[in-house]
């Protein structure tokens, strides 16, 4: 939710219990929530704490879930390290609720 307007941004961060669970969710989760298509599901990147070079991603999505995309995601220049337990979800429908996100990604851990 945008802090200034209160409007949904259409993004979410989802935290998993293990790195494998996050990796599995990126690679295998359907790209539809509550009947609406969603955008990218990527490794979450922490905000940088210094001007040091960002760490390379620890894993990248592979498999059939990535076939619709032309290139694998990368960590943006100047960003912090990959948070291996979290994913970033973009392109969510504005009506998507936390409960729908939990139902969608809950099977992965």
Protein backbone atom coordinates (compact mmCIF):
# COMPACT_ATOMS: atom_id res chain seq x y z
CA UNK A 1 0.00 0.00 0.00
CA UNK A 2 1.31 3.43 -0.93
CA UNK A 3 2.00 5.29 2.32
CA UNK A 4 0.92 8.65 0.89
CA UNK A 5 -2.25 7.69 -0.96
CA UNK A 6 -3.29 4.44 0.71
CA UNK A 7 -3.75 2.88 -2.74
CA UNK A 8 -2.47 -0.64 -3.42
CA UNK A 9 0.84 -0.78 -5.31
CA UNK A 10 0.33 -4.23 -6.81
CA UNK A 11 3.51 -5.64 -5.23
CA UNK A 12 4.28 -7.89 -2.29
CA UNK A 13 7.17 -9.47 -0.43
CA UNK A 14 6.57 -13.04 0.70
CA UNK A 15 8.78 -14.66 3.36
CA UNK A 16 9.33 -18.43 3.43
CA UNK A 17 10.64 -20.73 6.14
CA UNK A 18 13.59 -21.94 4.04
CA UNK A 19 15.67 -20.91 1.02
CA UNK A 20 14.49 -24.04 -0.80
CA UNK A 21 10.85 -23.05 -0.26
CA UNK A 22 11.46 -19.60 -1.74
CA UNK A 23 13.42 -21.08 -4.65
CA UNK A 24 10.64 -23.60 -5.31
CA UNK A 25 7.94 -20.91 -5.23
CA UNK A 26 9.85 -18.83 -7.78
CA UNK A 27 10.38 -21.75 -10.10
CA UNK A 28 7.02 -23.51 -9.81
CA UNK A 29 4.20 -21.27 -8.61
CA UNK A 30 1.44 -20.55 -11.14
CA UNK A 31 1.47 -16.98 -12.43
CA UNK A 32 -2.22 -16.49 -11.60
CA UNK A 33 -3.70 -15.44 -8.24
CA UNK A 34 -7.45 -15.46 -7.66
CA UNK A 35 -8.01 -15.75 -11.42
CA UNK A 36 -5.82 -12.74 -12.27
CA UNK A 37 -2.46 -12.99 -14.03
CA UNK A 38 0.49 -11.66 -12.05
CA UNK A 39 3.85 -10.30 -13.18
CA UNK A 40 7.31 -11.27 -12.05
CA UNK A 41 8.08 -13.50 -9.09
CA UNK A 42 11.73 -12.84 -8.23
CA UNK A 43 14.25 -13.26 -5.42
CA UNK A 44 13.87 -10.35 -2.97
CA UNK A 45 16.81 -7.97 -2.79
CA UNK A 46 17.64 -6.16 0.44
CA UNK A 47 18.17 -2.45 0.37
CA UNK A 48 21.84 -1.58 0.24
CA UNK A 49 23.45 -0.67 3.52
CA UNK A 50 26.63 0.66 1.95
CA UNK A 51 28.09 1.63 -1.40
CA UNK A 52 29.71 -1.80 -1.80
CA UNK A 53 28.99 -3.82 -4.91
CA UNK A 54 25.86 -5.93 -4.67
CA UNK A 55 26.22 -9.64 -4.08
CA UNK A 56 25.29 -11.84 -7.04
CA UNK A 57 21.96 -13.65 -6.82
CA UNK A 58 22.18 -16.96 -5.00
CA UNK A 59 19.64 -18.56 -7.30
CA UNK A 60 17.62 -17.72 -10.38
CA UNK A 61 14.26 -19.09 -11.48
CA UNK A 62 14.47 -21.96 -13.92
CA UNK A 63 12.13 -24.49 -15.40
CA UNK A 64 8.75 -24.23 -17.10
CA UNK A 65 7.56 -21.27 -15.04
CA UNK A 66 10.24 -19.09 -16.70
CA UNK A 67 9.53 -20.06 -20.31
CA UNK A 68 7.24 -17.07 -20.88
CA UNK A 69 10.09 -14.67 -20.12
CA UNK A 70 12.93 -13.83 -22.46
CA UNK A 71 15.69 -13.58 -19.86
CA UNK A 72 16.21 -14.63 -16.24
CA UNK A 73 15.96 -11.87 -13.65
CA UNK A 74 19.08 -10.28 -12.27
CA UNK A 75 19.86 -8.23 -9.20
CA UNK A 76 19.65 -4.51 -10.03
CA UNK A 77 22.92 -2.62 -10.00
CA UNK A 78 23.57 -0.94 -6.65
CA UNK A 79 21.10 -3.09 -4.77
CA UNK A 80 21.82 -5.07 -1.65
CA UNK A 81 22.25 -8.82 -1.31
CA UNK A 82 19.58 -11.33 -2.21
CA UNK A 83 17.36 -12.26 0.74
CA UNK A 84 17.15 -16.00 0.09
CA UNK A 85 14.04 -16.55 2.28
CA UNK A 86 11.94 -13.85 0.58
CA UNK A 87 10.50 -13.28 -2.86
CA UNK A 88 9.22 -10.15 -4.58
CA UNK A 89 5.93 -10.41 -6.45
CA UNK A 90 4.99 -7.71 -8.98
CA UNK A 91 1.91 -7.10 -11.07
CA UNK A 92 -0.60 -8.17 -8.44
CA UNK A 93 -4.22 -7.22 -9.00
CA UNK A 94 -5.12 -4.32 -6.74
CA UNK A 95 -7.89 -6.39 -5.16
CA UNK A 96 -5.45 -9.15 -4.10
CA UNK A 97 -5.56 -9.77 -0.37
CA UNK A 98 -2.96 -11.09 2.07
CA UNK A 99 -5.09 -14.19 2.51
CA UNK A 100 -5.01 -14.87 -1.25
CA UNK A 101 -1.20 -14.51 -1.22
CA UNK A 102 -0.92 -16.90 1.74
CA UNK A 103 -3.17 -19.43 -0.03
CA UNK A 104 -1.20 -19.10 -3.27
CA UNK A 105 2.31 -19.44 -1.82
CA UNK A 106 1.51 -21.33 1.41
CA UNK A 107 2.14 -24.79 -0.03
CA UNK A 108 5.80 -23.88 -0.62
CA UNK A 109 6.57 -23.17 3.03
